[in-house]
N, C-alpha and C. Protein backbone atom coordinates (compact mmCIF):
# COMPACT_ATOMS: atom_id res chain seq x y z
N UNK A 1 7.31 4.32 13.28
CA UNK A 1 6.06 3.57 13.18
C UNK A 1 6.34 2.24 12.49
N UNK A 2 5.59 1.26 12.89
CA UNK A 2 5.72 -0.08 12.33
C UNK A 2 4.50 -0.36 11.46
N UNK A 3 4.72 -0.70 10.21
CA UNK A 3 3.61 -1.03 9.31
C UNK A 3 3.04 -2.38 9.72
N UNK A 4 1.72 -2.41 9.90
CA UNK A 4 1.05 -3.63 10.36
C UNK A 4 0.31 -4.31 9.22
N UNK A 5 -0.44 -3.54 8.43
CA UNK A 5 -1.29 -4.13 7.39
C UNK A 5 -1.60 -3.07 6.36
N UNK A 6 -2.12 -3.50 5.22
CA UNK A 6 -2.57 -2.55 4.19
C UNK A 6 -3.70 -3.19 3.41
N UNK A 7 -4.48 -2.34 2.75
CA UNK A 7 -5.56 -2.82 1.89
C UNK A 7 -5.85 -1.76 0.84
N UNK A 8 -6.58 -2.15 -0.18
CA UNK A 8 -6.97 -1.23 -1.24
C UNK A 8 -8.35 -0.68 -0.92
N UNK A 9 -8.48 0.64 -0.95
CA UNK A 9 -9.76 1.30 -0.69
C UNK A 9 -10.66 1.18 -1.92
N UNK A 10 -11.96 1.36 -1.75
CA UNK A 10 -12.87 1.27 -2.90
C UNK A 10 -12.52 2.22 -4.05
N UNK A 11 -11.90 3.35 -3.74
CA UNK A 11 -11.54 4.29 -4.81
C UNK A 11 -10.16 4.01 -5.40
N UNK A 12 -9.52 2.91 -4.99
CA UNK A 12 -8.24 2.53 -5.54
C UNK A 12 -7.04 2.99 -4.75
N UNK A 13 -7.24 3.79 -3.71
CA UNK A 13 -6.13 4.24 -2.88
C UNK A 13 -5.62 3.10 -2.00
N UNK A 14 -4.43 3.25 -1.48
CA UNK A 14 -3.85 2.26 -0.59
C UNK A 14 -3.96 2.77 0.83
N UNK A 15 -4.57 1.98 1.71
CA UNK A 15 -4.70 2.34 3.12
C UNK A 15 -3.69 1.50 3.90
N UNK A 16 -2.84 2.16 4.67
CA UNK A 16 -1.78 1.49 5.41
C UNK A 16 -2.01 1.72 6.90
N UNK A 17 -2.05 0.65 7.68
CA UNK A 17 -2.21 0.74 9.12
C UNK A 17 -0.83 0.62 9.76
N UNK A 18 -0.50 1.58 10.65
CA UNK A 18 0.79 1.59 11.33
C UNK A 18 0.58 1.64 12.84
N UNK A 19 1.49 1.01 13.56
CA UNK A 19 1.44 0.95 15.01
C UNK A 19 2.54 1.82 15.58
N UNK A 20 2.25 2.53 16.61
CA UNK A 20 3.25 3.35 17.29
C UNK A 20 3.34 2.88 18.73
N UNK A 21 4.52 2.61 19.19
CA UNK A 21 4.68 2.15 20.56
C UNK A 21 6.11 2.25 21.00
N UNK A 22 6.35 1.75 22.18
CA UNK A 22 7.70 1.75 22.72
C UNK A 22 8.59 0.87 21.83
N UNK A 23 9.89 0.93 22.04
CA UNK A 23 10.79 0.16 21.17
C UNK A 23 10.47 -1.33 21.07
N UNK A 24 9.84 -1.92 22.10
CA UNK A 24 9.53 -3.34 22.02
C UNK A 24 8.15 -3.59 21.39
N UNK A 25 7.44 -2.55 21.02
CA UNK A 25 6.10 -2.64 20.42
C UNK A 25 5.15 -3.42 21.31
N UNK A 26 5.39 -3.42 22.62
CA UNK A 26 4.62 -4.24 23.54
C UNK A 26 3.40 -3.57 24.13
N UNK A 27 2.83 -2.58 23.48
CA UNK A 27 1.67 -1.90 24.05
C UNK A 27 0.36 -2.63 23.74
N UNK A 28 0.40 -3.65 22.91
CA UNK A 28 -0.79 -4.45 22.63
C UNK A 28 -1.92 -3.67 21.99
N UNK A 29 -3.17 -4.12 22.17
CA UNK A 29 -4.30 -3.48 21.50
C UNK A 29 -4.59 -2.06 21.99
N UNK A 30 -4.00 -1.66 23.11
CA UNK A 30 -4.23 -0.30 23.59
C UNK A 30 -3.22 0.69 23.01
N UNK A 31 -2.24 0.20 22.23
CA UNK A 31 -1.25 1.08 21.62
C UNK A 31 -1.86 2.00 20.58
N UNK A 32 -1.28 3.18 20.44
CA UNK A 32 -1.78 4.13 19.46
C UNK A 32 -1.31 3.73 18.07
N UNK A 33 -2.14 4.01 17.11
CA UNK A 33 -1.81 3.71 15.72
C UNK A 33 -2.32 4.80 14.81
N UNK A 34 -1.98 4.69 13.53
CA UNK A 34 -2.44 5.65 12.54
C UNK A 34 -2.76 4.92 11.26
N UNK A 35 -3.73 5.48 10.53
CA UNK A 35 -4.04 5.01 9.18
C UNK A 35 -3.55 6.07 8.20
N UNK A 36 -2.87 5.62 7.16
CA UNK A 36 -2.42 6.51 6.10
C UNK A 36 -3.08 6.08 4.81
N UNK A 37 -3.57 7.04 4.03
CA UNK A 37 -4.16 6.74 2.74
C UNK A 37 -3.26 7.33 1.66
N UNK A 38 -2.84 6.48 0.74
CA UNK A 38 -1.96 6.89 -0.34
C UNK A 38 -2.75 6.86 -1.63
N UNK A 39 -2.83 8.00 -2.29
CA UNK A 39 -3.57 8.11 -3.54
C UNK A 39 -2.63 8.51 -4.67
N UNK A 40 -2.99 8.15 -5.87
CA UNK A 40 -2.23 8.58 -7.03
C UNK A 40 -2.61 10.01 -7.38
N UNK A 41 -1.68 10.75 -7.92
CA UNK A 41 -1.96 12.13 -8.30
C UNK A 41 -2.14 12.27 -9.81
N UNK A 42 -1.86 11.20 -10.56
CA UNK A 42 -1.97 11.26 -12.02
C UNK A 42 -2.71 10.03 -12.51
N UNK A 43 -4.02 10.15 -12.62
CA UNK A 43 -4.86 9.01 -13.04
C UNK A 43 -4.69 8.67 -14.51
N UNK A 44 -3.96 9.50 -15.28
CA UNK A 44 -3.73 9.20 -16.69
C UNK A 44 -2.61 8.17 -16.88
N UNK A 45 -1.81 7.95 -15.85
CA UNK A 45 -0.74 6.96 -15.92
C UNK A 45 -1.34 5.56 -15.78
N UNK A 46 -0.63 4.53 -16.28
CA UNK A 46 -1.13 3.16 -16.08
C UNK A 46 -1.33 2.87 -14.60
N UNK A 47 -2.42 2.20 -14.28
CA UNK A 47 -2.76 1.88 -12.90
C UNK A 47 -2.60 0.38 -12.67
N UNK A 48 -2.08 -0.02 -11.51
CA UNK A 48 -1.97 -1.46 -11.23
C UNK A 48 -3.35 -2.08 -11.09
N UNK A 49 -3.52 -3.27 -11.66
CA UNK A 49 -4.81 -3.95 -11.57
C UNK A 49 -4.71 -5.32 -10.90
N UNK A 50 -3.48 -5.85 -10.80
CA UNK A 50 -3.30 -7.16 -10.19
C UNK A 50 -1.84 -7.32 -9.76
N UNK A 51 -1.62 -7.98 -8.64
CA UNK A 51 -0.26 -8.29 -8.18
C UNK A 51 -0.25 -9.72 -7.66
N UNK A 52 0.86 -10.44 -7.90
CA UNK A 52 0.94 -11.81 -7.47
C UNK A 52 2.39 -12.20 -7.19
N UNK A 53 2.62 -13.17 -6.31
CA UNK A 53 3.99 -13.62 -6.05
C UNK A 53 4.45 -14.50 -7.21
N UNK A 54 5.62 -14.20 -7.76
CA UNK A 54 6.17 -14.98 -8.86
C UNK A 54 7.33 -15.85 -8.40
N UNK A 55 7.68 -15.77 -7.15
CA UNK A 55 8.78 -16.55 -6.59
C UNK A 55 8.99 -16.13 -5.15
N UNK A 56 9.93 -16.74 -4.49
CA UNK A 56 10.13 -16.43 -3.08
C UNK A 56 10.58 -15.00 -2.81
N UNK A 57 11.20 -14.34 -3.80
CA UNK A 57 11.66 -12.96 -3.62
C UNK A 57 11.24 -12.07 -4.79
N UNK A 58 10.11 -12.42 -5.42
CA UNK A 58 9.68 -11.67 -6.60
C UNK A 58 8.17 -11.47 -6.57
N UNK A 59 7.75 -10.25 -6.87
CA UNK A 59 6.33 -9.92 -7.00
C UNK A 59 6.14 -9.30 -8.37
N UNK A 60 5.13 -9.72 -9.09
CA UNK A 60 4.83 -9.14 -10.40
C UNK A 60 3.55 -8.34 -10.30
N UNK A 61 3.49 -7.26 -11.09
CA UNK A 61 2.34 -6.36 -11.08
C UNK A 61 1.88 -6.16 -12.52
N UNK A 62 0.58 -6.32 -12.77
CA UNK A 62 0.00 -6.05 -14.09
C UNK A 62 -0.67 -4.67 -14.04
N UNK A 63 -0.51 -3.93 -15.12
CA UNK A 63 -1.08 -2.59 -15.22
C UNK A 63 -2.15 -2.56 -16.29
N UNK A 64 -3.07 -1.59 -16.20
CA UNK A 64 -4.11 -1.46 -17.22
C UNK A 64 -3.48 -0.93 -18.51
N UNK A 65 -4.26 -0.80 -19.56
CA UNK A 65 -3.74 -0.46 -20.88
C UNK A 65 -3.61 1.01 -21.19
N UNK A 66 -3.58 1.88 -20.21
CA UNK A 66 -3.41 3.32 -20.49
C UNK A 66 -2.06 3.57 -21.12
N UNK A 67 -2.02 4.51 -22.03
CA UNK A 67 -0.74 4.79 -22.68
C UNK A 67 0.19 5.52 -21.72
N UNK A 68 1.48 5.25 -21.88
CA UNK A 68 2.50 5.89 -21.05
C UNK A 68 3.04 7.09 -21.82
N UNK A 69 2.99 8.25 -21.19
CA UNK A 69 3.55 9.43 -21.82
C UNK A 69 4.89 9.74 -21.18
N UNK A 70 5.74 10.40 -21.90
CA UNK A 70 7.08 10.67 -21.36
C UNK A 70 7.00 11.74 -20.27
N UNK A 71 7.94 11.65 -19.34
CA UNK A 71 8.00 12.61 -18.24
C UNK A 71 8.70 13.88 -18.68
């Protein structure tokens, strides 16, 4: 599957849109696709609140102030 796009759901999960097609991905808008929703399983861990590009090959992520407990 080829990842096409993603967005944040209202509940904070990540929704990822993927396209499935022949090796050339040439099926156009009639091609089959899938949506995947990725949720966190531990809401007590710090959660990302903002992400931004810090350079051509760098992305920075800010997390909320929840305390980090050891694994």
